[in-house]
Structures are given as structure tokens and as C-alpha cells.
N, C-alpha and C. Protein backbone atom coordinates (compact mmCIF):
# COMPACT_ATOMS: atom_id res chain seq x y z
N MET A 1 38.38 -35.85 45.24
CA MET A 1 38.89 -35.41 43.96
C MET A 1 38.24 -36.25 42.87
N THR A 2 37.81 -35.61 41.81
CA THR A 2 37.18 -36.30 40.69
C THR A 2 38.17 -36.41 39.53
N PHE A 3 38.23 -37.59 38.94
CA PHE A 3 39.11 -37.84 37.81
C PHE A 3 38.29 -37.96 36.54
N ILE A 4 38.77 -37.40 35.46
CA ILE A 4 38.11 -37.52 34.17
C ILE A 4 38.94 -38.48 33.33
N THR A 5 38.28 -39.50 32.84
CA THR A 5 38.95 -40.52 32.04
C THR A 5 38.39 -40.49 30.62
N ARG A 6 39.26 -40.52 29.65
CA ARG A 6 38.84 -40.61 28.25
C ARG A 6 39.45 -41.88 27.68
N THR A 7 38.59 -42.65 27.02
CA THR A 7 39.02 -43.92 26.45
C THR A 7 38.57 -44.01 25.01
N LYS A 8 39.46 -44.40 24.12
CA LYS A 8 39.10 -44.57 22.72
C LYS A 8 38.87 -46.05 22.46
N ILE A 9 37.65 -46.37 21.96
CA ILE A 9 37.30 -47.72 21.58
C ILE A 9 36.88 -47.66 20.12
N GLY A 10 37.70 -48.25 19.27
CA GLY A 10 37.46 -48.13 17.83
C GLY A 10 37.64 -46.67 17.42
N ASN A 11 36.63 -46.11 16.74
CA ASN A 11 36.69 -44.71 16.31
C ASN A 11 35.97 -43.77 17.26
N LYS A 12 35.47 -44.29 18.40
CA LYS A 12 34.70 -43.48 19.33
C LYS A 12 35.51 -43.16 20.58
N LEU A 13 35.32 -41.96 21.10
CA LEU A 13 35.98 -41.53 22.32
C LEU A 13 34.93 -41.45 23.42
N PHE A 14 35.15 -42.19 24.53
CA PHE A 14 34.24 -42.21 25.65
C PHE A 14 34.87 -41.46 26.82
N GLY A 15 34.07 -40.70 27.54
CA GLY A 15 34.57 -39.98 28.70
C GLY A 15 33.73 -40.30 29.91
N SER A 16 34.36 -40.31 31.09
CA SER A 16 33.63 -40.53 32.33
C SER A 16 34.35 -39.85 33.47
N MET A 17 33.61 -39.65 34.56
CA MET A 17 34.17 -39.04 35.75
C MET A 17 34.09 -40.03 36.89
N SER A 18 35.11 -40.04 37.75
CA SER A 18 35.13 -40.99 38.86
C SER A 18 36.00 -40.46 39.98
N ASP A 19 35.73 -40.95 41.18
CA ASP A 19 36.58 -40.62 42.33
C ASP A 19 37.72 -41.62 42.47
N LEU A 20 37.77 -42.61 41.60
CA LEU A 20 38.77 -43.66 41.68
C LEU A 20 39.90 -43.42 40.68
N PRO A 21 41.12 -43.16 41.14
CA PRO A 21 42.24 -42.99 40.21
C PRO A 21 42.70 -44.33 39.66
N ASN A 22 43.25 -44.30 38.46
CA ASN A 22 43.86 -45.48 37.84
C ASN A 22 42.93 -46.69 37.77
N LYS A 23 41.68 -46.47 37.55
CA LYS A 23 40.75 -47.59 37.44
C LYS A 23 40.90 -48.26 36.08
N PRO A 24 40.65 -49.57 36.01
CA PRO A 24 40.72 -50.24 34.72
C PRO A 24 39.56 -49.80 33.83
N ALA A 25 39.84 -49.44 32.61
CA ALA A 25 38.79 -48.92 31.72
C ALA A 25 37.98 -50.04 31.07
N ILE A 26 38.63 -51.13 30.70
CA ILE A 26 37.96 -52.21 29.97
C ILE A 26 38.32 -53.54 30.64
N GLN A 27 37.30 -54.40 30.81
CA GLN A 27 37.53 -55.71 31.41
C GLN A 27 36.82 -56.78 30.58
N THR A 28 37.54 -57.80 30.17
CA THR A 28 36.94 -58.95 29.52
C THR A 28 36.71 -60.01 30.58
N VAL A 29 35.46 -60.48 30.68
CA VAL A 29 35.09 -61.45 31.71
C VAL A 29 34.83 -62.80 31.05
N THR A 30 35.50 -63.83 31.55
CA THR A 30 35.33 -65.19 31.02
C THR A 30 35.08 -66.18 32.16
N THR A 31 34.58 -65.69 33.29
CA THR A 31 34.30 -66.52 34.46
C THR A 31 32.80 -66.53 34.75
N PRO A 32 32.30 -67.52 35.50
CA PRO A 32 30.87 -67.60 35.78
C PRO A 32 30.33 -66.49 36.69
N GLU A 33 31.20 -65.80 37.41
CA GLU A 33 30.75 -64.70 38.26
C GLU A 33 31.80 -63.60 38.26
N TYR A 34 31.32 -62.35 38.24
CA TYR A 34 32.24 -61.20 38.23
C TYR A 34 31.64 -60.05 39.02
N ARG A 35 32.47 -59.36 39.76
CA ARG A 35 32.06 -58.20 40.55
C ARG A 35 32.73 -56.95 39.96
N THR A 36 31.94 -55.92 39.66
CA THR A 36 32.50 -54.73 39.03
C THR A 36 33.54 -54.08 39.94
N ASN A 37 34.51 -53.42 39.30
CA ASN A 37 35.59 -52.79 40.05
C ASN A 37 36.00 -51.47 39.41
N GLY A 38 35.01 -50.67 39.02
CA GLY A 38 35.30 -49.35 38.48
C GLY A 38 35.52 -49.29 36.98
N GLU A 39 35.28 -50.39 36.28
CA GLU A 39 35.47 -50.39 34.83
C GLU A 39 34.44 -49.50 34.15
N GLU A 40 34.77 -49.04 32.97
CA GLU A 40 33.83 -48.29 32.15
C GLU A 40 33.09 -49.24 31.20
N PHE A 41 33.77 -50.32 30.80
CA PHE A 41 33.21 -51.25 29.83
C PHE A 41 33.57 -52.68 30.22
N ILE A 42 32.56 -53.56 30.22
CA ILE A 42 32.78 -54.98 30.51
C ILE A 42 32.27 -55.79 29.32
N LEU A 43 33.11 -56.68 28.81
CA LEU A 43 32.75 -57.60 27.74
C LEU A 43 32.71 -58.99 28.34
N VAL A 44 31.55 -59.65 28.29
CA VAL A 44 31.39 -61.00 28.84
C VAL A 44 31.35 -61.98 27.68
N LYS A 45 32.25 -62.99 27.70
CA LYS A 45 32.31 -63.96 26.61
C LYS A 45 33.00 -65.24 27.06
N ASP A 46 32.93 -66.27 26.22
CA ASP A 46 33.63 -67.54 26.44
C ASP A 46 33.24 -68.25 27.73
N VAL A 47 31.99 -68.07 28.18
CA VAL A 47 31.45 -68.77 29.34
C VAL A 47 29.96 -68.97 29.06
N ASP A 48 29.38 -70.10 29.49
CA ASP A 48 27.97 -70.37 29.18
C ASP A 48 27.01 -69.36 29.81
N ASN A 49 27.19 -69.10 31.09
CA ASN A 49 26.37 -68.15 31.84
C ASN A 49 27.27 -67.37 32.78
N CYS A 50 26.86 -66.15 33.09
CA CYS A 50 27.67 -65.31 33.99
C CYS A 50 26.75 -64.46 34.86
N ARG A 51 27.14 -64.29 36.11
CA ARG A 51 26.47 -63.36 37.02
C ARG A 51 27.41 -62.17 37.20
N VAL A 52 26.91 -60.97 36.91
CA VAL A 52 27.69 -59.75 37.11
C VAL A 52 27.07 -58.99 38.28
N LEU A 53 27.86 -58.76 39.31
CA LEU A 53 27.42 -58.03 40.48
C LEU A 53 27.85 -56.57 40.35
N LEU A 54 26.89 -55.66 40.40
CA LEU A 54 27.19 -54.23 40.34
C LEU A 54 27.58 -53.76 41.73
N ASP A 55 28.86 -53.44 41.92
CA ASP A 55 29.38 -53.03 43.23
C ASP A 55 29.32 -51.51 43.36
N GLN A 56 28.45 -51.03 44.22
CA GLN A 56 28.25 -49.60 44.40
C GLN A 56 29.45 -48.92 45.07
N ASN A 57 30.34 -49.68 45.68
CA ASN A 57 31.51 -49.09 46.34
C ASN A 57 32.64 -48.77 45.37
N THR A 58 32.65 -49.42 44.22
CA THR A 58 33.75 -49.21 43.27
C THR A 58 33.29 -48.66 41.93
N THR A 59 31.99 -48.75 41.65
CA THR A 59 31.51 -48.45 40.30
C THR A 59 30.30 -47.53 40.37
N GLU A 60 30.27 -46.52 39.49
CA GLU A 60 29.08 -45.67 39.40
C GLU A 60 28.51 -45.63 37.99
N HIS A 61 29.29 -46.09 37.02
CA HIS A 61 28.85 -46.09 35.63
C HIS A 61 29.55 -47.23 34.91
N VAL A 62 28.78 -48.05 34.18
CA VAL A 62 29.40 -49.16 33.46
C VAL A 62 28.53 -49.55 32.27
N VAL A 63 29.19 -49.95 31.20
CA VAL A 63 28.53 -50.51 30.02
C VAL A 63 28.88 -51.99 29.99
N ILE A 64 27.84 -52.84 29.84
CA ILE A 64 28.06 -54.28 29.79
C ILE A 64 27.59 -54.80 28.44
N LYS A 65 28.51 -55.40 27.70
CA LYS A 65 28.23 -56.05 26.42
C LYS A 65 28.43 -57.54 26.62
N THR A 66 27.47 -58.34 26.15
CA THR A 66 27.58 -59.77 26.39
C THR A 66 27.52 -60.58 25.10
N LEU A 67 28.36 -61.57 25.03
CA LEU A 67 28.34 -62.54 23.94
C LEU A 67 27.87 -63.89 24.49
N THR A 68 27.19 -63.84 25.63
CA THR A 68 26.65 -65.02 26.29
C THR A 68 25.46 -64.60 27.13
N LYS A 69 24.92 -65.47 27.97
CA LYS A 69 23.80 -65.13 28.84
C LYS A 69 24.32 -64.56 30.15
N VAL A 70 23.78 -63.40 30.57
CA VAL A 70 24.29 -62.72 31.76
C VAL A 70 23.14 -62.29 32.66
N LEU A 71 23.29 -62.59 33.96
CA LEU A 71 22.38 -62.12 34.99
C LEU A 71 23.08 -60.98 35.70
N ILE A 72 22.45 -59.81 35.76
CA ILE A 72 23.05 -58.62 36.37
C ILE A 72 22.29 -58.31 37.65
N LEU A 73 23.03 -58.20 38.76
CA LEU A 73 22.43 -57.95 40.06
C LEU A 73 23.16 -56.81 40.76
N PRO A 74 22.44 -55.86 41.34
CA PRO A 74 23.10 -54.87 42.17
C PRO A 74 23.39 -55.47 43.55
N MET A 75 24.52 -55.12 44.14
CA MET A 75 24.83 -55.61 45.49
C MET A 75 23.93 -54.92 46.52
N MET A 76 23.52 -53.70 46.23
CA MET A 76 22.57 -52.96 47.06
C MET A 76 21.63 -52.20 46.14
N GLY A 77 20.43 -51.92 46.61
CA GLY A 77 19.47 -51.17 45.81
C GLY A 77 18.84 -52.03 44.74
N GLN A 78 18.21 -51.37 43.79
CA GLN A 78 17.54 -52.06 42.70
C GLN A 78 17.93 -51.45 41.37
N ILE A 79 17.51 -52.10 40.30
CA ILE A 79 17.71 -51.58 38.96
C ILE A 79 16.40 -50.91 38.55
N ASP A 80 16.47 -49.66 38.14
CA ASP A 80 15.30 -48.86 37.76
C ASP A 80 14.22 -48.86 38.85
N GLU A 81 14.64 -48.94 40.10
CA GLU A 81 13.77 -48.87 41.28
C GLU A 81 12.72 -49.98 41.35
N GLN A 82 12.86 -51.04 40.53
CA GLN A 82 11.87 -52.11 40.60
C GLN A 82 12.41 -53.51 40.37
N TYR A 83 13.62 -53.65 39.86
CA TYR A 83 14.16 -54.98 39.55
C TYR A 83 15.31 -55.32 40.49
N ASP A 84 15.26 -56.52 41.07
CA ASP A 84 16.36 -57.00 41.89
C ASP A 84 17.47 -57.59 41.03
N GLU A 85 17.12 -57.95 39.81
CA GLU A 85 18.09 -58.50 38.86
C GLU A 85 17.51 -58.38 37.47
N ILE A 86 18.37 -58.40 36.47
CA ILE A 86 17.91 -58.46 35.08
C ILE A 86 18.77 -59.47 34.34
N PHE A 87 18.17 -60.07 33.32
CA PHE A 87 18.85 -61.05 32.50
C PHE A 87 19.01 -60.46 31.10
N ILE A 88 20.24 -60.47 30.58
CA ILE A 88 20.45 -60.05 29.20
C ILE A 88 21.05 -61.23 28.43
N ASP A 89 20.61 -61.40 27.21
CA ASP A 89 20.99 -62.56 26.42
C ASP A 89 22.14 -62.21 25.47
N LYS A 90 22.63 -63.21 24.81
CA LYS A 90 23.76 -63.09 23.88
C LYS A 90 23.55 -61.94 22.90
N GLY A 91 24.55 -61.09 22.79
CA GLY A 91 24.53 -59.98 21.85
C GLY A 91 24.00 -58.68 22.42
N ALA A 92 23.44 -58.72 23.63
CA ALA A 92 22.85 -57.51 24.22
C ALA A 92 23.92 -56.59 24.81
N CYS A 93 23.55 -55.33 24.96
CA CYS A 93 24.42 -54.33 25.56
C CYS A 93 23.56 -53.39 26.40
N ALA A 94 24.00 -53.09 27.62
CA ALA A 94 23.25 -52.19 28.50
C ALA A 94 24.22 -51.30 29.26
N GLU A 95 23.79 -50.06 29.49
CA GLU A 95 24.60 -49.08 30.21
C GLU A 95 23.89 -48.74 31.51
N PHE A 96 24.63 -48.77 32.62
CA PHE A 96 24.07 -48.54 33.94
C PHE A 96 24.75 -47.36 34.62
N PHE A 97 23.96 -46.60 35.39
CA PHE A 97 24.48 -45.50 36.18
C PHE A 97 23.89 -45.58 37.58
N ARG A 98 24.72 -45.40 38.60
CA ARG A 98 24.27 -45.46 39.99
C ARG A 98 23.90 -44.06 40.47
N VAL A 99 22.70 -43.94 41.03
CA VAL A 99 22.23 -42.66 41.57
C VAL A 99 21.48 -42.94 42.87
N ASP A 100 21.90 -42.31 43.94
CA ASP A 100 21.21 -42.40 45.24
C ASP A 100 20.89 -43.83 45.66
N GLY A 101 21.85 -44.74 45.51
CA GLY A 101 21.69 -46.09 46.00
C GLY A 101 21.01 -47.07 45.06
N ASN A 102 20.53 -46.60 43.92
CA ASN A 102 19.92 -47.49 42.93
C ASN A 102 20.70 -47.41 41.62
N TRP A 103 20.50 -48.39 40.77
CA TRP A 103 21.13 -48.43 39.45
C TRP A 103 20.06 -48.16 38.41
N TYR A 104 20.41 -47.37 37.40
CA TYR A 104 19.47 -47.03 36.35
C TYR A 104 20.03 -47.42 35.00
N ILE A 105 19.18 -48.04 34.17
CA ILE A 105 19.56 -48.35 32.81
C ILE A 105 19.39 -47.06 32.03
N ILE A 106 20.50 -46.51 31.54
CA ILE A 106 20.41 -45.25 30.80
C ILE A 106 20.51 -45.45 29.31
N SER A 107 20.88 -46.67 28.90
CA SER A 107 20.95 -46.98 27.49
C SER A 107 20.95 -48.49 27.33
N SER A 108 20.26 -48.98 26.31
CA SER A 108 20.30 -50.40 26.00
C SER A 108 19.98 -50.59 24.54
N ASP A 109 20.22 -51.78 24.04
CA ASP A 109 19.94 -52.07 22.64
C ASP A 109 18.70 -52.96 22.50
N GLY A 110 17.70 -52.70 23.33
CA GLY A 110 16.45 -53.43 23.19
C GLY A 110 16.19 -54.45 24.27
N LEU A 111 16.52 -54.15 25.52
CA LEU A 111 16.20 -55.06 26.63
C LEU A 111 14.69 -55.20 26.74
N LYS A 112 14.24 -56.37 27.07
CA LYS A 112 12.82 -56.61 27.29
C LYS A 112 12.63 -56.95 28.76
N LEU A 113 12.11 -56.01 29.53
CA LEU A 113 11.89 -56.21 30.95
C LEU A 113 10.42 -56.50 31.19
N GLU A 114 10.14 -57.49 32.03
CA GLU A 114 8.75 -57.86 32.32
C GLU A 114 8.30 -57.23 33.61
């Protein structure tokens, strides 16, 4: 069964579909390591550095906004079929979607990948 979730953040309405009922829509992360759990939006702040693990078993779509330095790693697969991890710096925002075992950046505010 697929669930449709609508969340209002500020003046914008976000919608997503998931097989997970009652998933948390927004998570603020203030720890050095965090594993995704079906959230739609993650805000990372109040920690010097953070590792965010993209869990393919609980999450298929997530937006990550950071107010600190964040290393993002998929637990399985790669990001954009070529990166085992990516680093985003303070103020960056990136949106990820899982497709066929890999994670794809579908939106960002200017990530620089080498």
C-alpha cells in the first residue's frame, strides 16, 4: 500500500509517496552520525561535522539541509552511479531519490562534485 504525505513548510506544500505509514516528516539532527528513517526533510545543525547514512530500507526520497559540514553516504549502492560518498558544506541543500539500488541527486543548490 502506498501512502501520500503532504507537509507544509513555511508557505510551501510538499508531497511525497511512501510505503511507510506514519513516518516522521521532518528531523533535526544534532549528532555526529545519523541514519535516515523515512523522513522527507533533514536539517543538520549544532554539531561540527555529521555523517548521514542513506538507508535504502526506510527511505526513498529525502531533502538534506545543512548548517554544518556533512558527509552523505549510501548504505548500499552509489550516489549518481559514481560516488560512494559526497560532502556538503554549511548552508548547502540537496535532494536525493533512490532508484534501482542507487541514490540520485535530483536537486541541489550548487553542489560541486569532483
